[in-house]
C-alpha atoms as a PDB file:
ATOM      1  CA  MET A   1     -16.399  11.775 -10.172  1.00  0.00           C
ATOM      2  CA  ASN A   2     -15.135  15.035  -8.751  1.00  0.00           C
ATOM      3  CA  SER A   3     -11.662  15.313  -7.332  1.00  0.00           C
ATOM      4  CA  PRO A   4      -9.948  18.027  -5.293  1.00  0.00           C
ATOM      5  CA  ASP A   5      -8.775  19.698  -8.519  1.00  0.00           C
ATOM      6  CA  GLY A   6     -12.387  20.023  -9.735  1.00  0.00           C
ATOM      7  CA  GLN A   7     -11.957  17.751 -12.742  1.00  0.00           C
ATOM      8  CA  THR A   8     -14.306  14.919 -13.490  1.00  0.00           C
ATOM      9  CA  GLY A   9     -13.170  11.435 -14.364  1.00  0.00           C
ATOM     10  CA  ASP A  10     -15.718  10.909 -17.121  1.00  0.00           C
ATOM     11  CA  GLU A  11     -13.045  10.518 -19.797  1.00  0.00           C
ATOM     12  CA  HIS A  12     -11.670   7.403 -18.035  1.00  0.00           C
ATOM     13  CA  SER A  13     -13.354   4.508 -16.323  1.00  0.00           C
ATOM     14  CA  ASP A  14     -12.823   4.510 -12.584  1.00  0.00           C
ATOM     15  CA  GLU A  15     -10.952   1.649 -10.960  1.00  0.00           C
ATOM     16  CA  ILE A  16     -10.752   0.540  -7.349  1.00  0.00           C
ATOM     17  CA  VAL A  17      -7.094   0.484  -6.387  1.00  0.00           C
ATOM     18  CA  TYR A  18      -5.366  -0.792  -3.243  1.00  0.00           C
ATOM     19  CA  ILE A  19      -2.126   0.904  -2.180  1.00  0.00           C
ATOM     20  CA  GLY A  20       0.282  -0.664   0.309  1.00  0.00           C
ATOM     21  CA  ILE A  21       1.887   1.881   2.638  1.00  0.00           C
ATOM     22  CA  GLY A  22       4.880   1.121   4.846  1.00  0.00           C
ATOM     23  CA  SER A  23       7.493   2.920   6.927  1.00  0.00           C
ATOM     24  CA  ASN A  24      10.079   2.021   9.547  1.00  0.00           C
ATOM     25  CA  LEU A  25      12.118   5.249   9.783  1.00  0.00           C
ATOM     26  CA  ASP A  26      11.609   8.850  10.900  1.00  0.00           C
ATOM     27  CA  ASP A  27       8.403   8.426  12.979  1.00  0.00           C
ATOM     28  CA  PRO A  28       6.572   5.814  10.858  1.00  0.00           C
ATOM     29  CA  PRO A  29       3.000   6.723  11.919  1.00  0.00           C
ATOM     30  CA  ARG A  30       3.678  10.361  10.973  1.00  0.00           C
ATOM     31  CA  GLN A  31       5.183   9.283   7.636  1.00  0.00           C
ATOM     32  CA  ILE A  32       2.090   7.203   6.872  1.00  0.00           C
ATOM     33  CA  ARG A  33      -0.295  10.002   7.917  1.00  0.00           C
ATOM     34  CA  ARG A  34       1.605  12.383   5.647  1.00  0.00           C
ATOM     35  CA  ALA A  35       1.397   9.947   2.704  1.00  0.00           C
ATOM     36  CA  VAL A  36      -2.340   9.459   3.311  1.00  0.00           C
ATOM     37  CA  GLN A  37      -2.883  13.234   3.306  1.00  0.00           C
ATOM     38  CA  THR A  38      -1.140  13.428  -0.075  1.00  0.00           C
ATOM     39  CA  LEU A  39      -3.071  10.423  -1.464  1.00  0.00           C
ATOM     40  CA  ARG A  40      -6.276  12.285  -0.550  1.00  0.00           C
ATOM     41  CA  GLN A  41      -5.168  15.112  -2.892  1.00  0.00           C
ATOM     42  CA  LEU A  42      -4.456  13.022  -6.005  1.00  0.00           C
ATOM     43  CA  PRO A  43      -6.264  14.324  -9.098  1.00  0.00           C
ATOM     44  CA  ARG A  44      -9.156  12.300 -10.541  1.00  0.00           C
ATOM     45  CA  THR A  45      -9.017  10.139  -7.417  1.00  0.00           C
ATOM     46  CA  VAL A  46     -11.190   9.627  -4.360  1.00  0.00           C
ATOM     47  CA  TYR A  47      -9.673   8.274  -1.148  1.00  0.00           C
ATOM     48  CA  LEU A  48     -12.287   5.766   0.020  1.00  0.00           C
ATOM     49  CA  ASP A  49     -10.853   4.305   3.231  1.00  0.00           C
ATOM     50  CA  ASP A  50      -7.936   2.496   4.790  1.00  0.00           C
ATOM     51  CA  SER A  51      -7.121  -0.488   6.954  1.00  0.00           C
ATOM     52  CA  GLY A  52      -5.766   1.390   9.918  1.00  0.00           C
ATOM     53  CA  LEU A  53      -2.209   0.914  11.100  1.00  0.00           C
ATOM     54  CA  PHE A  54      -0.443  -2.394  11.696  1.00  0.00           C
ATOM     55  CA  LEU A  55       2.955  -3.135  13.253  1.00  0.00           C
ATOM     56  CA  SER A  56       5.031  -5.846  11.558  1.00  0.00           C
ATOM     57  CA  ARG A  57       8.517  -7.257  11.483  1.00  0.00           C
ATOM     58  CA  PRO A  58      10.756  -6.213   8.576  1.00  0.00           C
ATOM     59  CA  MET A  59      10.779  -8.516   5.567  1.00  0.00           C
ATOM     60  CA  LEU A  60      14.339  -9.676   5.000  1.00  0.00           C
ATOM     61  CA  PRO A  61      15.945 -12.123   2.588  1.00  0.00           C
ATOM     62  CA  SER A  62      16.665 -15.578   3.930  1.00  0.00           C
ATOM     63  CA  GLY A  63      19.698 -15.593   6.213  1.00  0.00           C
ATOM     64  CA  ALA A  64      19.849 -11.794   6.661  1.00  0.00           C
ATOM     65  CA  GLN A  65      20.397 -10.277  10.096  1.00  0.00           C
ATOM     66  CA  ASP A  66      17.394  -8.486  11.564  1.00  0.00           C
ATOM     67  CA  GLY A  67      18.784  -5.097  12.578  1.00  0.00           C
ATOM     68  CA  GLN A  68      15.940  -2.949  11.253  1.00  0.00           C
ATOM     69  CA  PRO A  69      13.157  -1.396  13.314  1.00  0.00           C
ATOM     70  CA  HIS A  70       9.671  -2.855  12.935  1.00  0.00           C
ATOM     71  CA  TYR A  71       7.423  -1.436  10.211  1.00  0.00           C
ATOM     72  CA  CYS A  72       4.140   0.366  10.383  1.00  0.00           C
ATOM     73  CA  ASN A  73       1.927  -0.755   7.509  1.00  0.00           C
ATOM     74  CA  ALA A  74      -1.483   0.084   6.109  1.00  0.00           C
ATOM     75  CA  VAL A  75      -3.499  -0.396   2.938  1.00  0.00           C
ATOM     76  CA  ALA A  76      -5.511   2.434   1.358  1.00  0.00           C
ATOM     77  CA  ARG A  77      -8.461   1.907  -0.980  1.00  0.00           C
ATOM     78  CA  LEU A  78      -8.883   4.518  -3.725  1.00  0.00           C
ATOM     79  CA  ARG A  79     -11.177   5.006  -6.696  1.00  0.00           C
ATOM     80  CA  THR A  80      -9.214   6.555  -9.531  1.00  0.00           C
ATOM     81  CA  ALA A  81      -9.453   7.552 -13.167  1.00  0.00           C
ATOM     82  CA  LEU A  82      -5.640   7.727 -13.390  1.00  0.00           C
ATOM     83  CA  ASP A  83      -4.027   5.019 -15.480  1.00  0.00           C
ATOM     84  CA  PRO A  84      -1.697   2.615 -13.644  1.00  0.00           C
ATOM     85  CA  PHE A  85       1.510   4.327 -14.774  1.00  0.00           C
ATOM     86  CA  GLU A  86       0.219   7.822 -13.940  1.00  0.00           C
ATOM     87  CA  LEU A  87      -0.608   6.529 -10.469  1.00  0.00           C
ATOM     88  CA  LEU A  88       2.804   4.873 -10.133  1.00  0.00           C
ATOM     89  CA  ASP A  89       4.545   8.127 -11.105  1.00  0.00           C
ATOM     90  CA  ARG A  90       2.524  10.044  -8.536  1.00  0.00           C
ATOM     91  CA  LEU A  91       3.269   7.491  -5.793  1.00  0.00           C
ATOM     92  CA  GLN A  92       6.984   7.694  -6.550  1.00  0.00           C
ATOM     93  CA  ARG A  93       6.769  11.495  -6.423  1.00  0.00           C
ATOM     94  CA  ILE A  94       5.159  11.256  -2.955  1.00  0.00           C
ATOM     95  CA  GLU A  95       7.949   8.911  -1.832  1.00  0.00           C
ATOM     96  CA  ASN A  96      10.597  11.322  -3.133  1.00  0.00           C
ATOM     97  CA  GLU A  97       8.935  14.327  -1.470  1.00  0.00           C
ATOM     98  CA  GLN A  98       8.948  12.437   1.836  1.00  0.00           C
ATOM     99  CA  GLY A  99      12.664  11.725   1.549  1.00  0.00           C
ATOM    100  CA  ARG A 100      12.650   8.174   0.219  1.00  0.00           C
ATOM    101  CA  VAL A 101      16.148   7.160  -0.889  1.00  0.00           C
ATOM    102  CA  ARG A 102      16.237   4.153  -3.178  1.00  0.00           C
ATOM    103  CA  GLY A 103      19.149   1.964  -2.285  1.00  0.00           C
ATOM    104  CA  GLU A 104      19.324  -1.373  -0.570  1.00  0.00           C
ATOM    105  CA  ARG A 105      16.503  -3.646  -1.790  1.00  0.00           C
ATOM    106  CA  TRP A 106      15.605  -4.989   1.654  1.00  0.00           C
ATOM    107  CA  GLY A 107      16.643  -1.810   3.451  1.00  0.00           C
ATOM    108  CA  ALA A 108      14.793   0.363   5.927  1.00  0.00           C
ATOM    109  CA  ARG A 109      12.779   3.223   4.457  1.00  0.00           C
ATOM    110  CA  CYS A 110      10.912   6.301   5.566  1.00  0.00           C
ATOM    111  CA  ILE A 111       8.022   5.566   3.174  1.00  0.00           C
ATOM    112  CA  ASP A 112       7.097   2.876   0.686  1.00  0.00           C
ATOM    113  CA  LEU A 113       3.998   3.106  -1.531  1.00  0.00           C
ATOM    114  CA  ASP A 114       3.074   0.128  -3.700  1.00  0.00           C
ATOM    115  CA  ILE A 115       0.192  -0.509  -6.067  1.00  0.00           C
ATOM    116  CA  LEU A 116      -1.090  -3.842  -4.776  1.00  0.00           C
ATOM    117  CA  LEU A 117      -4.195  -4.170  -6.959  1.00  0.00           C
ATOM    118  CA  PHE A 118      -5.581  -2.058  -9.791  1.00  0.00           C
ATOM    119  CA  GLY A 119      -9.163  -3.186 -10.365  1.00  0.00           C
ATOM    120  CA  ASP A 120      -9.031  -6.714 -11.713  1.00  0.00           C
ATOM    121  CA  ARG A 121      -6.096  -5.946 -14.010  1.00  0.00           C
ATOM    122  CA  ARG A 122      -2.976  -8.055 -14.361  1.00  0.00           C
ATOM    123  CA  ILE A 123       0.012  -5.967 -15.408  1.00  0.00           C
ATOM    124  CA  GLU A 124       3.453  -7.329 -16.280  1.00  0.00           C
ATOM    125  CA  HIS A 125       5.816  -4.493 -17.110  1.00  0.00           C
ATOM    126  CA  GLU A 126       9.407  -3.712 -16.094  1.00  0.00           C
ATOM    127  CA  ARG A 127       8.144  -0.726 -14.051  1.00  0.00           C
ATOM    128  CA  LEU A 128       4.989  -2.241 -12.603  1.00  0.00           C
ATOM    129  CA  GLN A 129       3.622  -5.650 -11.726  1.00  0.00           C
ATOM    130  CA  VAL A 130       0.015  -5.992 -10.579  1.00  0.00           C
ATOM    131  CA  PRO A 131      -1.037  -7.815  -8.483  1.00  0.00           C
ATOM    132  CA  HIS A 132       2.057  -6.866  -6.541  1.00  0.00           C
ATOM    133  CA  PRO A 133       4.608  -9.734  -6.638  1.00  0.00           C
ATOM    134  CA  GLY A 134       4.834 -11.716  -3.433  1.00  0.00           C
ATOM    135  CA  LEU A 135       1.571 -10.252  -2.156  1.00  0.00           C
ATOM    136  CA  GLN A 136       0.348 -13.704  -1.106  1.00  0.00           C
ATOM    137  CA  GLN A 137       3.331 -14.265   1.244  1.00  0.00           C
ATOM    138  CA  ARG A 138       3.249 -10.880   2.973  1.00  0.00           C
ATOM    139  CA  GLU A 139       1.272 -10.709   6.186  1.00  0.00           C
ATOM    140  CA  PHE A 140       1.812  -6.944   6.286  1.00  0.00           C
ATOM    141  CA  VAL A 141      -0.218  -6.732   3.059  1.00  0.00           C
ATOM    142  CA  LEU A 142      -2.783  -9.527   3.517  1.00  0.00           C
ATOM    143  CA  TYR A 143      -3.990  -8.681   7.036  1.00  0.00           C
ATOM    144  CA  PRO A 144      -4.561  -4.964   6.315  1.00  0.00           C
ATOM    145  CA  LEU A 145      -6.146  -5.835   2.949  1.00  0.00           C
ATOM    146  CA  HIS A 146      -8.469  -8.311   4.677  1.00  0.00           C
ATOM    147  CA  ARG A 147      -9.521  -5.633   7.158  1.00  0.00           C
ATOM    148  CA  LEU A 148     -10.708  -3.521   4.175  1.00  0.00           C
ATOM    149  CA  ALA A 149     -12.156  -6.164   1.854  1.00  0.00           C
ATOM    150  CA  PRO A 150     -12.498  -9.651   3.376  1.00  0.00           C
ATOM    151  CA  ALA A 151     -14.317 -11.079   0.322  1.00  0.00           C
ATOM    152  CA  LEU A 152     -11.771  -9.739  -2.189  1.00  0.00           C
ATOM    153  CA  ARG A 153     -10.513 -11.973  -5.012  1.00  0.00           C
ATOM    154  CA  ILE A 154      -6.919 -11.369  -6.076  1.00  0.00           C
ATOM    155  CA  PRO A 155      -6.558 -11.697  -9.882  1.00  0.00           C
ATOM    156  CA  GLY A 156      -4.642 -14.872 -10.693  1.00  0.00           C
ATOM    157  CA  ARG A 157      -4.197 -15.747  -6.999  1.00  0.00           C
ATOM    158  CA  GLY A 158      -7.680 -16.548  -5.668  1.00  0.00           C
ATOM    159  CA  LYS A 159      -9.714 -15.525  -2.648  1.00  0.00           C
ATOM    160  CA  LEU A 160      -8.048 -13.278  -0.099  1.00  0.00           C
ATOM    161  CA  GLY A 161      -9.418 -15.400   2.769  1.00  0.00           C
ATOM    162  CA  ALA A 162      -7.743 -18.530   1.383  1.00  0.00           C
ATOM    163  CA  LEU A 163      -4.424 -16.684   0.931  1.00  0.00           C
ATOM    164  CA  LEU A 164      -4.662 -15.391   4.490  1.00  0.00           C
ATOM    165  CA  GLN A 165      -5.140 -18.923   5.873  1.00  0.00           C
ATOM    166  CA  ARG A 166      -1.800 -19.946   4.310  1.00  0.00           C
ATOM    167  CA  CYS A 167       0.084 -16.870   5.538  1.00  0.00           C
ATOM    168  CA  PRO A 168       1.540 -16.931   9.062  1.00  0.00           C
ATOM    169  CA  ARG A 169       0.869 -13.844  11.205  1.00  0.00           C
ATOM    170  CA  ASN A 170       4.580 -13.407  12.057  1.00  0.00           C
ATOM    171  CA  GLY A 171       3.667 -11.202  14.998  1.00  0.00           C
ATOM    172  CA  ILE A 172       1.677  -8.601  13.036  1.00  0.00           C
ATOM    173  CA  GLU A 173      -0.518  -6.505  15.302  1.00  0.00           C
ATOM    174  CA  TYR A 174      -3.263  -3.965  14.697  1.00  0.00           C
ATOM    175  CA  LEU A 175      -2.447  -0.576  16.247  1.00  0.00           C
ATOM    176  CA  GLY A 176      -5.573   1.458  15.470  1.00  0.00           C
ATOM    177  CA  MET A 177      -6.707   4.203  13.134  1.00  0.00           C
ATOM    178  CA  ILE A 178      -3.966   5.975  11.166  1.00  0.00           C
ATOM    179  CA  GLU A 179      -4.966   9.448  12.369  1.00  0.00           C
ATOM    180  CA  GLU A 180      -4.866   8.473  16.046  1.00  0.00           C
ATOM    181  CA  THR A 181      -1.932   6.085  16.358  1.00  0.00           C
ATOM    182  CA  ARG A 182       1.228   7.086  18.211  1.00  0.00           C
ATOM    183  CA  ILE A 183       4.015   4.637  18.960  1.00  0.00           C
END
């Protein structure tokens, strides 16, 4: 596998990885386009495709007041020879470069990049949990993921289609291709 840096991934086995992308501050479609451009440049990684852009309500803890703007969300599918922690470090670097400030857990953010799935691996580590925790209750993850891979099986959770049937839409709406969407 060739990547933009000219290296091959022969020394590692390639994995299909799904990355959740979200933003609700500072022109969210632009933030997501910028993150996608950077994901396309990751070493030993090929950007395969994405779900397009969705608009969703913010996820808040029970009883919290909804004062945040709606989110733009997408899921990107990559093939990578990076290991999960290398990828996590690179995603956090992208977030930092785009001005992400880690603070309030349920707070608004300019960009959020999460490893949702890493091949068929199950990872339980203090820095990284895969499949992403709570994935099965998050319409802003399941609907974009379904748009990319409707027959996908989530390790330890079952078929994506079955998870989707149990997840309310909560007003999520498809906005179009990431490159073309303006809101």
